[in-house]
């Protein structure tokens, strides 16, 4: 998450949180 955040901030872009809950079991 940190590396994504740093990369987005450096590029003036967006950092998104997506929850991948397809495996309900």
PDBML (XML) file of the C-alpha atoms, coordinates in Angstrom:
<?xml version="1.0" encoding="UTF-8" ?>
<PDBx:datablock datablockName="MODEL"
   xmlns:PDBx="http://pdbml.pdb.org/schema/pdbx-v50.xsd"
   xmlns:xsi="http://www.w3.org/2001/XMLSchema-instance"
   xsi:schemaLocation="http://pdbml.pdb.org/schema/pdbx-v50.xsd pdbx-v50.xsd">
   <PDBx:atom_siteCategory>
      <PDBx:atom_site id="1">
         <PDBx:B_iso_or_equiv>0.00</PDBx:B_iso_or_equiv>
         <PDBx:Cartn_x>0.000</PDBx:Cartn_x>
         <PDBx:Cartn_y>0.000</PDBx:Cartn_y>
         <PDBx:Cartn_z>0.000</PDBx:Cartn_z>
         <PDBx:auth_asym_id>A</PDBx:auth_asym_id>
         <PDBx:auth_atom_id>CA</PDBx:auth_atom_id>
         <PDBx:auth_comp_id>UNK</PDBx:auth_comp_id>
         <PDBx:auth_seq_id>1</PDBx:auth_seq_id>
         <PDBx:group_PDB>ATOM</PDBx:group_PDB>
         <PDBx:label_alt_id xsi:nil="true" />
         <PDBx:label_asym_id>A</PDBx:label_asym_id>
         <PDBx:label_atom_id>CA</PDBx:label_atom_id>
         <PDBx:label_comp_id>UNK</PDBx:label_comp_id>
         <PDBx:label_entity_id>1</PDBx:label_entity_id>
         <PDBx:label_seq_id>1</PDBx:label_seq_id>
         <PDBx:occupancy>1.00</PDBx:occupancy>
         <PDBx:pdbx_PDB_model_num>1</PDBx:pdbx_PDB_model_num>
         <PDBx:type_symbol>C</PDBx:type_symbol>
      </PDBx:atom_site>
      <PDBx:atom_site id="2">
         <PDBx:B_iso_or_equiv>0.00</PDBx:B_iso_or_equiv>
         <PDBx:Cartn_x>2.830</PDBx:Cartn_x>
         <PDBx:Cartn_y>2.409</PDBx:Cartn_y>
         <PDBx:Cartn_z>0.899</PDBx:Cartn_z>
         <PDBx:auth_asym_id>A</PDBx:auth_asym_id>
         <PDBx:auth_atom_id>CA</PDBx:auth_atom_id>
         <PDBx:auth_comp_id>UNK</PDBx:auth_comp_id>
         <PDBx:auth_seq_id>2</PDBx:auth_seq_id>
         <PDBx:group_PDB>ATOM</PDBx:group_PDB>
         <PDBx:label_alt_id xsi:nil="true" />
         <PDBx:label_asym_id>A</PDBx:label_asym_id>
         <PDBx:label_atom_id>CA</PDBx:label_atom_id>
         <PDBx:label_comp_id>UNK</PDBx:label_comp_id>
         <PDBx:label_entity_id>1</PDBx:label_entity_id>
         <PDBx:label_seq_id>2</PDBx:label_seq_id>
         <PDBx:occupancy>1.00</PDBx:occupancy>
         <PDBx:pdbx_PDB_model_num>1</PDBx:pdbx_PDB_model_num>
         <PDBx:type_symbol>C</PDBx:type_symbol>
      </PDBx:atom_site>
      <PDBx:atom_site id="3">
         <PDBx:B_iso_or_equiv>0.00</PDBx:B_iso_or_equiv>
         <PDBx:Cartn_x>4.685</PDBx:Cartn_x>
         <PDBx:Cartn_y>1.905</PDBx:Cartn_y>
         <PDBx:Cartn_z>-2.392</PDBx:Cartn_z>
         <PDBx:auth_asym_id>A</PDBx:auth_asym_id>
         <PDBx:auth_atom_id>CA</PDBx:auth_atom_id>
         <PDBx:auth_comp_id>UNK</PDBx:auth_comp_id>
         <PDBx:auth_seq_id>3</PDBx:auth_seq_id>
         <PDBx:group_PDB>ATOM</PDBx:group_PDB>
         <PDBx:label_alt_id xsi:nil="true" />
         <PDBx:label_asym_id>A</PDBx:label_asym_id>
         <PDBx:label_atom_id>CA</PDBx:label_atom_id>
         <PDBx:label_comp_id>UNK</PDBx:label_comp_id>
         <PDBx:label_entity_id>1</PDBx:label_entity_id>
         <PDBx:label_seq_id>3</PDBx:label_seq_id>
         <PDBx:occupancy>1.00</PDBx:occupancy>
         <PDBx:pdbx_PDB_model_num>1</PDBx:pdbx_PDB_model_num>
         <PDBx:type_symbol>C</PDBx:type_symbol>
      </PDBx:atom_site>
      <PDBx:atom_site id="4">
         <PDBx:B_iso_or_equiv>0.00</PDBx:B_iso_or_equiv>
         <PDBx:Cartn_x>1.444</PDBx:Cartn_x>
         <PDBx:Cartn_y>2.470</PDBx:Cartn_y>
         <PDBx:Cartn_z>-4.315</PDBx:Cartn_z>
         <PDBx:auth_asym_id>A</PDBx:auth_asym_id>
         <PDBx:auth_atom_id>CA</PDBx:auth_atom_id>
         <PDBx:auth_comp_id>UNK</PDBx:auth_comp_id>
         <PDBx:auth_seq_id>4</PDBx:auth_seq_id>
         <PDBx:group_PDB>ATOM</PDBx:group_PDB>
         <PDBx:label_alt_id xsi:nil="true" />
         <PDBx:label_asym_id>A</PDBx:label_asym_id>
         <PDBx:label_atom_id>CA</PDBx:label_atom_id>
         <PDBx:label_comp_id>UNK</PDBx:label_comp_id>
         <PDBx:label_entity_id>1</PDBx:label_entity_id>
         <PDBx:label_seq_id>4</PDBx:label_seq_id>
         <PDBx:occupancy>1.00</PDBx:occupancy>
         <PDBx:pdbx_PDB_model_num>1</PDBx:pdbx_PDB_model_num>
         <PDBx:type_symbol>C</PDBx:type_symbol>
      </PDBx:atom_site>
      <PDBx:atom_site id="5">
         <PDBx:B_iso_or_equiv>0.00</PDBx:B_iso_or_equiv>
         <PDBx:Cartn_x>0.755</PDBx:Cartn_x>
         <PDBx:Cartn_y>5.611</PDBx:Cartn_y>
         <PDBx:Cartn_z>-2.275</PDBx:Cartn_z>
         <PDBx:auth_asym_id>A</PDBx:auth_asym_id>
         <PDBx:auth_atom_id>CA</PDBx:auth_atom_id>
         <PDBx:auth_comp_id>UNK</PDBx:auth_comp_id>
         <PDBx:auth_seq_id>5</PDBx:auth_seq_id>
         <PDBx:group_PDB>ATOM</PDBx:group_PDB>
         <PDBx:label_alt_id xsi:nil="true" />
         <PDBx:label_asym_id>A</PDBx:label_asym_id>
         <PDBx:label_atom_id>CA</PDBx:label_atom_id>
         <PDBx:label_comp_id>UNK</PDBx:label_comp_id>
         <PDBx:label_entity_id>1</PDBx:label_entity_id>
         <PDBx:label_seq_id>5</PDBx:label_seq_id>
         <PDBx:occupancy>1.00</PDBx:occupancy>
         <PDBx:pdbx_PDB_model_num>1</PDBx:pdbx_PDB_model_num>
         <PDBx:type_symbol>C</PDBx:type_symbol>
      </PDBx:atom_site>
      <PDBx:atom_site id="6">
         <PDBx:B_iso_or_equiv>0.00</PDBx:B_iso_or_equiv>
         <PDBx:Cartn_x>4.277</PDBx:Cartn_x>
         <PDBx:Cartn_y>7.014</PDBx:Cartn_y>
         <PDBx:Cartn_z>-2.798</PDBx:Cartn_z>
         <PDBx:auth_asym_id>A</PDBx:auth_asym_id>
         <PDBx:auth_atom_id>CA</PDBx:auth_atom_id>
         <PDBx:auth_comp_id>UNK</PDBx:auth_comp_id>
         <PDBx:auth_seq_id>6</PDBx:auth_seq_id>
         <PDBx:group_PDB>ATOM</PDBx:group_PDB>
         <PDBx:label_alt_id xsi:nil="true" />
         <PDBx:label_asym_id>A</PDBx:label_asym_id>
         <PDBx:label_atom_id>CA</PDBx:label_atom_id>
         <PDBx:label_comp_id>UNK</PDBx:label_comp_id>
         <PDBx:label_entity_id>1</PDBx:label_entity_id>
         <PDBx:label_seq_id>6</PDBx:label_seq_id>
         <PDBx:occupancy>1.00</PDBx:occupancy>
         <PDBx:pdbx_PDB_model_num>1</PDBx:pdbx_PDB_model_num>
         <PDBx:type_symbol>C</PDBx:type_symbol>
      </PDBx:atom_site>
      <PDBx:atom_site id="7">
         <PDBx:B_iso_or_equiv>0.00</PDBx:B_iso_or_equiv>
         <PDBx:Cartn_x>4.178</PDBx:Cartn_x>
         <PDBx:Cartn_y>6.304</PDBx:Cartn_y>
         <PDBx:Cartn_z>-6.527</PDBx:Cartn_z>
         <PDBx:auth_asym_id>A</PDBx:auth_asym_id>
         <PDBx:auth_atom_id>CA</PDBx:auth_atom_id>
         <PDBx:auth_comp_id>UNK</PDBx:auth_comp_id>
         <PDBx:auth_seq_id>7</PDBx:auth_seq_id>
         <PDBx:group_PDB>ATOM</PDBx:group_PDB>
         <PDBx:label_alt_id xsi:nil="true" />
         <PDBx:label_asym_id>A</PDBx:label_asym_id>
         <PDBx:label_atom_id>CA</PDBx:label_atom_id>
         <PDBx:label_comp_id>UNK</PDBx:label_comp_id>
         <PDBx:label_entity_id>1</PDBx:label_entity_id>
         <PDBx:label_seq_id>7</PDBx:label_seq_id>
         <PDBx:occupancy>1.00</PDBx:occupancy>
         <PDBx:pdbx_PDB_model_num>1</PDBx:pdbx_PDB_model_num>
         <PDBx:type_symbol>C</PDBx:type_symbol>
      </PDBx:atom_site>
      <PDBx:atom_site id="8">
         <PDBx:B_iso_or_equiv>0.00</PDBx:B_iso_or_equiv>
         <PDBx:Cartn_x>0.772</PDBx:Cartn_x>
         <PDBx:Cartn_y>7.952</PDBx:Cartn_y>
         <PDBx:Cartn_z>-6.965</PDBx:Cartn_z>
         <PDBx:auth_asym_id>A</PDBx:auth_asym_id>
         <PDBx:auth_atom_id>CA</PDBx:auth_atom_id>
         <PDBx:auth_comp_id>UNK</PDBx:auth_comp_id>
         <PDBx:auth_seq_id>8</PDBx:auth_seq_id>
         <PDBx:group_PDB>ATOM</PDBx:group_PDB>
         <PDBx:label_alt_id xsi:nil="true" />
         <PDBx:label_asym_id>A</PDBx:label_asym_id>
         <PDBx:label_atom_id>CA</PDBx:label_atom_id>
         <PDBx:label_comp_id>UNK</PDBx:label_comp_id>
         <PDBx:label_entity_id>1</PDBx:label_entity_id>
         <PDBx:label_seq_id>8</PDBx:label_seq_id>
         <PDBx:occupancy>1.00</PDBx:occupancy>
         <PDBx:pdbx_PDB_model_num>1</PDBx:pdbx_PDB_model_num>
         <PDBx:type_symbol>C</PDBx:type_symbol>
      </PDBx:atom_site>
      <PDBx:atom_site id="9">
         <PDBx:B_iso_or_equiv>0.00</PDBx:B_iso_or_equiv>
         <PDBx:Cartn_x>1.702</PDBx:Cartn_x>
         <PDBx:Cartn_y>11.021</PDBx:Cartn_y>
         <PDBx:Cartn_z>-4.927</PDBx:Cartn_z>
         <PDBx:auth_asym_id>A</PDBx:auth_asym_id>
         <PDBx:auth_atom_id>CA</PDBx:auth_atom_id>
         <PDBx:auth_comp_id>UNK</PDBx:auth_comp_id>
         <PDBx:auth_seq_id>9</PDBx:auth_seq_id>
         <PDBx:group_PDB>ATOM</PDBx:group_PDB>
         <PDBx:label_alt_id xsi:nil="true" />
         <PDBx:label_asym_id>A</PDBx:label_asym_id>
         <PDBx:label_atom_id>CA</PDBx:label_atom_id>
         <PDBx:label_comp_id>UNK</PDBx:label_comp_id>
         <PDBx:label_entity_id>1</PDBx:label_entity_id>
         <PDBx:label_seq_id>9</PDBx:label_seq_id>
         <PDBx:occupancy>1.00</PDBx:occupancy>
         <PDBx:pdbx_PDB_model_num>1</PDBx:pdbx_PDB_model_num>
         <PDBx:type_symbol>C</PDBx:type_symbol>
      </PDBx:atom_site>
      <PDBx:atom_site id="10">
         <PDBx:B_iso_or_equiv>0.00</PDBx:B_iso_or_equiv>
         <PDBx:Cartn_x>4.975</PDBx:Cartn_x>
         <PDBx:Cartn_y>11.469</PDBx:Cartn_y>
         <PDBx:Cartn_z>-6.803</PDBx:Cartn_z>
         <PDBx:auth_asym_id>A</PDBx:auth_asym_id>
         <PDBx:auth_atom_id>CA</PDBx:auth_atom_id>
         <PDBx:auth_comp_id>UNK</PDBx:auth_comp_id>
         <PDBx:auth_seq_id>10</PDBx:auth_seq_id>
         <PDBx:group_PDB>ATOM</PDBx:group_PDB>
         <PDBx:label_alt_id xsi:nil="true" />
         <PDBx:label_asym_id>A</PDBx:label_asym_id>
         <PDBx:label_atom_id>CA</PDBx:label_atom_id>
         <PDBx:label_comp_id>UNK</PDBx:label_comp_id>
         <PDBx:label_entity_id>1</PDBx:label_entity_id>
         <PDBx:label_seq_id>10</PDBx:label_seq_id>
         <PDBx:occupancy>1.00</PDBx:occupancy>
         <PDBx:pdbx_PDB_model_num>1</PDBx:pdbx_PDB_model_num>
         <PDBx:type_symbol>C</PDBx:type_symbol>
      </PDBx:atom_site>
      <PDBx:atom_site id="11">
         <PDBx:B_iso_or_equiv>0.00</PDBx:B_iso_or_equiv>
         <PDBx:Cartn_x>3.183</PDBx:Cartn_x>
         <PDBx:Cartn_y>11.320</PDBx:Cartn_y>
         <PDBx:Cartn_z>-10.153</PDBx:Cartn_z>
         <PDBx:auth_asym_id>A</PDBx:auth_asym_id>
         <PDBx:auth_atom_id>CA</PDBx:auth_atom_id>
         <PDBx:auth_comp_id>UNK</PDBx:auth_comp_id>
         <PDBx:auth_seq_id>11</PDBx:auth_seq_id>
         <PDBx:group_PDB>ATOM</PDBx:group_PDB>
         <PDBx:label_alt_id xsi:nil="true" />
         <PDBx:label_asym_id>A</PDBx:label_asym_id>
         <PDBx:label_atom_id>CA</PDBx:label_atom_id>
         <PDBx:label_comp_id>UNK</PDBx:label_comp_id>
         <PDBx:label_entity_id>1</PDBx:label_entity_id>
         <PDBx:label_seq_id>11</PDBx:label_seq_id>
         <PDBx:occupancy>1.00</PDBx:occupancy>
         <PDBx:pdbx_PDB_model_num>1</PDBx:pdbx_PDB_model_num>
         <PDBx:type_symbol>C</PDBx:type_symbol>
      </PDBx:atom_site>
      <PDBx:atom_site id="12">
         <PDBx:B_iso_or_equiv>0.00</PDBx:B_iso_or_equiv>
         <PDBx:Cartn_x>0.322</PDBx:Cartn_x>
         <PDBx:Cartn_y>13.577</PDBx:Cartn_y>
         <PDBx:Cartn_z>-9.031</PDBx:Cartn_z>
         <PDBx:auth_asym_id>A</PDBx:auth_asym_id>
         <PDBx:auth_atom_id>CA</PDBx:auth_atom_id>
         <PDBx:auth_comp_id>UNK</PDBx:auth_comp_id>
         <PDBx:auth_seq_id>12</PDBx:auth_seq_id>
         <PDBx:group_PDB>ATOM</PDBx:group_PDB>
         <PDBx:label_alt_id xsi:nil="true" />
         <PDBx:label_asym_id>A</PDBx:label_asym_id>
         <PDBx:label_atom_id>CA</PDBx:label_atom_id>
         <PDBx:label_comp_id>UNK</PDBx:label_comp_id>
         <PDBx:label_entity_id>1</PDBx:label_entity_id>
         <PDBx:label_seq_id>12</PDBx:label_seq_id>
         <PDBx:occupancy>1.00</PDBx:occupancy>
         <PDBx:pdbx_PDB_model_num>1</PDBx:pdbx_PDB_model_num>
         <PDBx:type_symbol>C</PDBx:type_symbol>
      </PDBx:atom_site>
      <PDBx:atom_site id="13">
         <PDBx:B_iso_or_equiv>0.00</PDBx:B_iso_or_equiv>
         <PDBx:Cartn_x>-2.070</PDBx:Cartn_x>
         <PDBx:Cartn_y>10.669</PDBx:Cartn_y>
         <PDBx:Cartn_z>-9.502</PDBx:Cartn_z>
         <PDBx:auth_asym_id>A</PDBx:auth_asym_id>
         <PDBx:auth_atom_id>CA</PDBx:auth_atom_id>
         <PDBx:auth_comp_id>UNK</PDBx:auth_comp_id>
         <PDBx:auth_seq_id>13</PDBx:auth_seq_id>
         <PDBx:group_PDB>ATOM</PDBx:group_PDB>
         <PDBx:label_alt_id xsi:nil="true" />
         <PDBx:label_asym_id>A</PDBx:label_asym_id>
         <PDBx:label_atom_id>CA</PDBx:label_atom_id>
         <PDBx:label_comp_id>UNK</PDBx:label_comp_id>
         <PDBx:label_entity_id>1</PDBx:label_entity_id>
         <PDBx:label_seq_id>13</PDBx:label_seq_id>
         <PDBx:occupancy>1.00</PDBx:occupancy>
         <PDBx:pdbx_PDB_model_num>1</PDBx:pdbx_PDB_model_num>
         <PDBx:type_symbol>C</PDBx:type_symbol>
      </PDBx:atom_site>
      <PDBx:atom_site id="14">
         <PDBx:B_iso_or_equiv>0.00</PDBx:B_iso_or_equiv>
         <PDBx:Cartn_x>-4.692</PDBx:Cartn_x>
         <PDBx:Cartn_y>8.681</PDBx:Cartn_y>
         <PDBx:Cartn_z>-7.592</PDBx:Cartn_z>
         <PDBx:auth_asym_id>A</PDBx:auth_asym_id>
         <PDBx:auth_atom_id>CA</PDBx:auth_atom_id>
         <PDBx:auth_comp_id>UNK</PDBx:auth_comp_id>
         <PDBx:auth_seq_id>14</PDBx:auth_seq_id>
         <PDBx:group_PDB>ATOM</PDBx:group_PDB>
         <PDBx:label_alt_id xsi:nil="true" />
         <PDBx:label_asym_id>A</PDBx:label_asym_id>
         <PDBx:label_atom_id>CA</PDBx:label_atom_id>
         <PDBx:label_comp_id>UNK</PDBx:label_comp_id>
         <PDBx:label_entity_id>1</PDBx:label_entity_id>
         <PDBx:label_seq_id>14</PDBx:label_seq_id>
         <PDBx:occupancy>1.00</PDBx:occupancy>
         <PDBx:pdbx_PDB_model_num>1</PDBx:pdbx_PDB_model_num>
         <PDBx:type_symbol>C</PDBx:type_symbol>
      </PDBx:atom_site>
      <PDBx:atom_site id="15">
         <PDBx:B_iso_or_equiv>0.00</PDBx:B_iso_or_equiv>
         <PDBx:Cartn_x>-4.376</PDBx:Cartn_x>
         <PDBx:Cartn_y>5.917</PDBx:Cartn_y>
         <PDBx:Cartn_z>-5.003</PDBx:Cartn_z>
         <PDBx:auth_asym_id>A</PDBx:auth_asym_id>
         <PDBx:auth_atom_id>CA</PDBx:auth_atom_id>
         <PDBx:auth_comp_id>UNK</PDBx:auth_comp_id>
         <PDBx:auth_seq_id>15</PDBx:auth_seq_id>
         <PDBx:group_PDB>ATOM</PDBx:group_PDB>
         <PDBx:label_alt_id xsi:nil="true" />
         <PDBx:label_asym_id>A</PDBx:label_asym_id>
         <PDBx:label_atom_id>CA</PDBx:label_atom_id>
         <PDBx:label_comp_id>UNK</PDBx:label_comp_id>
         <PDBx:label_entity_id>1</PDBx:label_entity_id>
         <PDBx:label_seq_id>15</PDBx:label_seq_id>
         <PDBx:occupancy>1.00</PDBx:occupancy>
         <PDBx:pdbx_PDB_model_num>1</PDBx:pdbx_PDB_model_num>
         <PDBx:type_symbol>C</PDBx:type_symbol>
      </PDBx:atom_site>
      <PDBx:atom_site id="16">
         <PDBx:B_iso_or_equiv>0.00</PDBx:B_iso_or_equiv>
         <PDBx:Cartn_x>-7.417</PDBx:Cartn_x>
         <PDBx:Cartn_y>3.642</PDBx:Cartn_y>
         <PDBx:Cartn_z>-4.703</PDBx:Cartn_z>
         <PDBx:auth_asym_id>A</PDBx:auth_asym_id>
         <PDBx:auth_atom_id>CA</PDBx:auth_atom_id>
         <PDBx:auth_comp_id>UNK</PDBx:auth_comp_id>
         <PDBx:auth_seq_id>16</PDBx:auth_seq_id>
         <PDBx:group_PDB>ATOM</PDBx:group_PDB>
         <PDBx:label_alt_id xsi:nil="true" />
         <PDBx:label_asym_id>A</PDBx:label_asym_id>
         <PDBx:label_atom_id>CA</PDBx:label_atom_id>
         <PDBx:label_comp_id>UNK</PDBx:label_comp_id>
         <PDBx:label_entity_id>1</PDBx:label_entity_id>
         <PDBx:label_seq_id>16</PDBx:label_seq_id>
         <PDBx:occupancy>1.00</PDBx:occupancy>
         <PDBx:pdbx_PDB_model_num>1</PDBx:pdbx_PDB_model_num>
         <PDBx:type_symbol>C</PDBx:type_symbol>
      </PDBx:atom_site>
      <PDBx:atom_site id="17">
         <PDBx:B_iso_or_equiv>0.00</PDBx:B_iso_or_equiv>
         <PDBx:Cartn_x>-8.494</PDBx:Cartn_x>
         <PDBx:Cartn_y>1.050</PDBx:Cartn_y>
         <PDBx:Cartn_z>-2.139</PDBx:Cartn_z>
         <PDBx:auth_asym_id>A</PDBx:auth_asym_id>
         <PDBx:auth_atom_id>CA</PDBx:auth_atom_id>
         <PDBx:auth_comp_id>UNK</PDBx:auth_comp_id>
         <PDBx:auth_seq_id>17</PDBx:auth_seq_id>
         <PDBx:group_PDB>ATOM</PDBx:group_PDB>
         <PDBx:label_alt_id xsi:nil="true" />
         <PDBx:label_asym_id>A</PDBx:label_asym_id>
         <PDBx:label_atom_id>CA</PDBx:label_atom_id>
         <PDBx:label_comp_id>UNK</PDBx:label_comp_id>
         <PDBx:label_entity_id>1</PDBx:label_entity_id>
         <PDBx:label_seq_id>17</PDBx:label_seq_id>
         <PDBx:occupancy>1.00</PDBx:occupancy>
         <PDBx:pdbx_PDB_model_num>1</PDBx:pdbx_PDB_model_num>
         <PDBx:type_symbol>C</PDBx:type_symbol>
      </PDBx:atom_site>
      <PDBx:atom_site id="18">
         <PDBx:B_iso_or_equiv>0.00</PDBx:B_iso_or_equiv>
         <PDBx:Cartn_x>-10.414</PDBx:Cartn_x>
         <PDBx:Cartn_y>-1.858</PDBx:Cartn_y>
         <PDBx:Cartn_z>-3.660</PDBx:Cartn_z>
         <PDBx:auth_asym_id>A</PDBx:auth_asym_id>
         <PDBx:auth_atom_id>CA</PDBx:auth_atom_id>
         <PDBx:auth_comp_id>UNK</PDBx:auth_comp_id>
         <PDBx:auth_seq_id>18</PDBx:auth_seq_id>
         <PDBx:group_PDB>ATOM</PDBx:group_PDB>
         <PDBx:label_alt_id xsi:nil="true" />
         <PDBx:label_asym_id>A</PDBx:label_asym_id>
         <PDBx:label_atom_id>CA</PDBx:label_atom_id>
         <PDBx:label_comp_id>UNK</PDBx:label_comp_id>
         <PDBx:label_entity_id>1</PDBx:label_entity_id>
         <PDBx:label_seq_id>18</PDBx:label_seq_id>
         <PDBx:occupancy>1.00</PDBx:occupancy>
         <PDBx:pdbx_PDB_model_num>1</PDBx:pdbx_PDB_model_num>
         <PDBx:type_symbol>C</PDBx:type_symbol>
      </PDBx:atom_site>
      <PDBx:atom_site id="19">
         <PDBx:B_iso_or_equiv>0.00</PDBx:B_iso_or_equiv>
         <PDBx:Cartn_x>-11.599</PDBx:Cartn_x>
         <PDBx:Cartn_y>-4.786</PDBx:Cartn_y>
         <PDBx:Cartn_z>-1.561</PDBx:Cartn_z>
         <PDBx:auth_asym_id>A</PDBx:auth_asym_id>
         <PDBx:auth_atom_id>CA</PDBx:auth_atom_id>
         <PDBx:auth_comp_id>UNK</PDBx:auth_comp_id>
         <PDBx:auth_seq_id>19</PDBx:auth_seq_id>
         <PDBx:group_PDB>ATOM</PDBx:group_PDB>
         <PDBx:label_alt_id xsi:nil="true" />
         <PDBx:label_asym_id>A</PDBx:label_asym_id>
         <PDBx:label_atom_id>CA</PDBx:label_atom_id>
         <PDBx:label_comp_id>UNK</PDBx:label_comp_id>
         <PDBx:label_entity_id>1</PDBx:label_entity_id>
         <PDBx:label_seq_id>19</PDBx:label_seq_id>
         <PDBx:occupancy>1.00</PDBx:occupancy>
         <PDBx:pdbx_PDB_model_num>1</PDBx:pdbx_PDB_model_num>
         <PDBx:type_symbol>C</PDBx:type_symbol>
      </PDBx:atom_site>
      <PDBx:atom_site id="20">
         <PDBx:B_iso_or_equiv>0.00</PDBx:B_iso_or_equiv>
         <PDBx:Cartn_x>-11.289</PDBx:Cartn_x>
         <PDBx:Cartn_y>-8.075</PDBx:Cartn_y>
         <PDBx:Cartn_z>-3.452</PDBx:Cartn_z>
         <PDBx:auth_asym_id>A</PDBx:auth_asym_id>
         <PDBx:auth_atom_id>CA</PDBx:auth_atom_id>
         <PDBx:auth_comp_id>UNK</PDBx:auth_comp_id>
         <PDBx:auth_seq_id>20</PDBx:auth_seq_id>
         <PDBx:group_PDB>ATOM</PDBx:group_PDB>
         <PDBx:label_alt_id xsi:nil="true" />
         <PDBx:label_asym_id>A</PDBx:label_asym_id>
         <PDBx:label_atom_id>CA</PDBx:label_atom_id>
         <PDBx:label_comp_id>UNK</PDBx:label_comp_id>
         <PDBx:label_entity_id>1</PDBx:label_entity_id>
         <PDBx:label_seq_id>20</PDBx:label_seq_id>
         <PDBx:occupancy>1.00</PDBx:occupancy>
         <PDBx:pdbx_PDB_model_num>1</PDBx:pdbx_PDB_model_num>
         <PDBx:type_symbol>C</PDBx:type_symbol>
      </PDBx:atom_site>
      <PDBx:atom_site id="21">
         <PDBx:B_iso_or_equiv>0.00</PDBx:B_iso_or_equiv>
         <PDBx:Cartn_x>-13.799</PDBx:Cartn_x>
         <PDBx:Cartn_y>-10.268</PDBx:Cartn_y>
         <PDBx:Cartn_z>-1.660</PDBx:Cartn_z>
         <PDBx:auth_asym_id>A</PDBx:auth_asym_id>
         <PDBx:auth_atom_id>CA</PDBx:auth_atom_id>
         <PDBx:auth_comp_id>UNK</PDBx:auth_comp_id>
         <PDBx:auth_seq_id>21</PDBx:auth_seq_id>
         <PDBx:group_PDB>ATOM</PDBx:group_PDB>
         <PDBx:label_alt_id xsi:nil="true" />
         <PDBx:label_asym_id>A</PDBx:label_asym_id>
         <PDBx:label_atom_id>CA</PDBx:label_atom_id>
         <PDBx:label_comp_id>UNK</PDBx:label_comp_id>
         <PDBx:label_entity_id>1</PDBx:label_entity_id>
         <PDBx:label_seq_id>21</PDBx:label_seq_id>
         <PDBx:occupancy>1.00</PDBx:occupancy>
         <PDBx:pdbx_PDB_model_num>1</PDBx:pdbx_PDB_model_num>
         <PDBx:type_symbol>C</PDBx:type_symbol>
      </PDBx:atom_site>
      <PDBx:atom_site id="22">
         <PDBx:B_iso_or_equiv>0.00</PDBx:B_iso_or_equiv>
         <PDBx:Cartn_x>-14.749</PDBx:Cartn_x>
         <PDBx:Cartn_y>-12.685</PDBx:Cartn_y>
         <PDBx:Cartn_z>-4.420</PDBx:Cartn_z>
         <PDBx:auth_asym_id>A</PDBx:auth_asym_id>
         <PDBx:auth_atom_id>CA</PDBx:auth_atom_id>
         <PDBx:auth_comp_id>UNK</PDBx:auth_comp_id>
         <PDBx:auth_seq_id>22</PDBx:auth_seq_id>
         <PDBx:group_PDB>ATOM</PDBx:group_PDB>
         <PDBx:label_alt_id xsi:nil="true" />
         <PDBx:label_asym_id>A</PDBx:label_asym_id>
         <PDBx:label_atom_id>CA</PDBx:label_atom_id>
         <PDBx:label_comp_id>UNK</PDBx:label_comp_id>
         <PDBx:label_entity_id>1</PDBx:label_entity_id>
         <PDBx:label_seq_id>22</PDBx:label_seq_id>
         <PDBx:occupancy>1.00</PDBx:occupancy>
         <PDBx:pdbx_PDB_model_num>1</PDBx:pdbx_PDB_model_num>
         <PDBx:type_symbol>C</PDBx:type_symbol>
      </PDBx:atom_site>
      <PDBx:atom_site id="23">
         <PDBx:B_iso_or_equiv>0.00</PDBx:B_iso_or_equiv>
         <PDBx:Cartn_x>-13.667</PDBx:Cartn_x>
         <PDBx:Cartn_y>-15.681</PDBx:Cartn_y>
         <PDBx:Cartn_z>-2.327</PDBx:Cartn_z>
         <PDBx:auth_asym_id>A</PDBx:auth_asym_id>
         <PDBx:auth_atom_id>CA</PDBx:auth_atom_id>
         <PDBx:auth_comp_id>UNK</PDBx:auth_comp_id>
         <PDBx:auth_seq_id>23</PDBx:auth_seq_id>
         <PDBx:group_PDB>ATOM</PDBx:group_PDB>
         <PDBx:label_alt_id xsi:nil="true" />
         <PDBx:label_asym_id>A</PDBx:label_asym_id>
         <PDBx:label_atom_id>CA</PDBx:label_atom_id>
         <PDBx:label_comp_id>UNK</PDBx:label_comp_id>
         <PDBx:label_entity_id>1</PDBx:label_entity_id>
         <PDBx:label_seq_id>23</PDBx:label_seq_id>
         <PDBx:occupancy>1.00</PDBx:occupancy>
         <PDBx:pdbx_PDB_model_num>1</PDBx:pdbx_PDB_model_num>
         <PDBx:type_symbol>C</PDBx:type_symbol>
      </PDBx:atom_site>
      <PDBx:atom_site id="24">
         <PDBx:B_iso_or_equiv>0.00</PDBx:B_iso_or_equiv>
         <PDBx:Cartn_x>-16.582</PDBx:Cartn_x>
         <PDBx:Cartn_y>-15.655</PDBx:Cartn_y>
         <PDBx:Cartn_z>0.096</PDBx:Cartn_z>
         <PDBx:auth_asym_id>A</PDBx:auth_asym_id>
         <PDBx:auth_atom_id>CA</PDBx:auth_atom_id>
         <PDBx:auth_comp_id>UNK</PDBx:auth_comp_id>
         <PDBx:auth_seq_id>24</PDBx:auth_seq_id>
         <PDBx:group_PDB>ATOM</PDBx:group_PDB>
         <PDBx:label_alt_id xsi:nil="true" />
         <PDBx:label_asym_id>A</PDBx:label_asym_id>
         <PDBx:label_atom_id>CA</PDBx:label_atom_id>
         <PDBx:label_comp_id>UNK</PDBx:label_comp_id>
         <PDBx:label_entity_id>1</PDBx:label_entity_id>
         <PDBx:label_seq_id>24</PDBx:label_seq_id>
         <PDBx:occupancy>1.00</PDBx:occupancy>
         <PDBx:pdbx_PDB_model_num>1</PDBx:pdbx_PDB_model_num>
         <PDBx:type_symbol>C</PDBx:type_symbol>
      </PDBx:atom_site>
      <PDBx:atom_site id="25">
         <PDBx:B_iso_or_equiv>0.00</PDBx:B_iso_or_equiv>
         <PDBx:Cartn_x>-15.530</PDBx:Cartn_x>
         <PDBx:Cartn_y>-18.943</PDBx:Cartn_y>
         <PDBx:Cartn_z>1.709</PDBx:Cartn_z>
         <PDBx:auth_asym_id>A</PDBx:auth_asym_id>
         <PDBx:auth_atom_id>CA</PDBx:auth_atom_id>
         <PDBx:auth_comp_id>UNK</PDBx:auth_comp_id>
         <PDBx:auth_seq_id>25</PDBx:auth_seq_id>
         <PDBx:group_PDB>ATOM</PDBx:group_PDB>
         <PDBx:label_alt_id xsi:nil="true" />
         <PDBx:label_asym_id>A</PDBx:label_asym_id>
         <PDBx:label_atom_id>CA</PDBx:label_atom_id>
         <PDBx:label_comp_id>UNK</PDBx:label_comp_id>
         <PDBx:label_entity_id>1</PDBx:label_entity_id>
         <PDBx:label_seq_id>25</PDBx:label_seq_id>
         <PDBx:occupancy>1.00</PDBx:occupancy>
         <PDBx:pdbx_PDB_model_num>1</PDBx:pdbx_PDB_model_num>
         <PDBx:type_symbol>C</PDBx:type_symbol>
      </PDBx:atom_site>
   </PDBx:atom_siteCategory>
</PDBx:datablock>
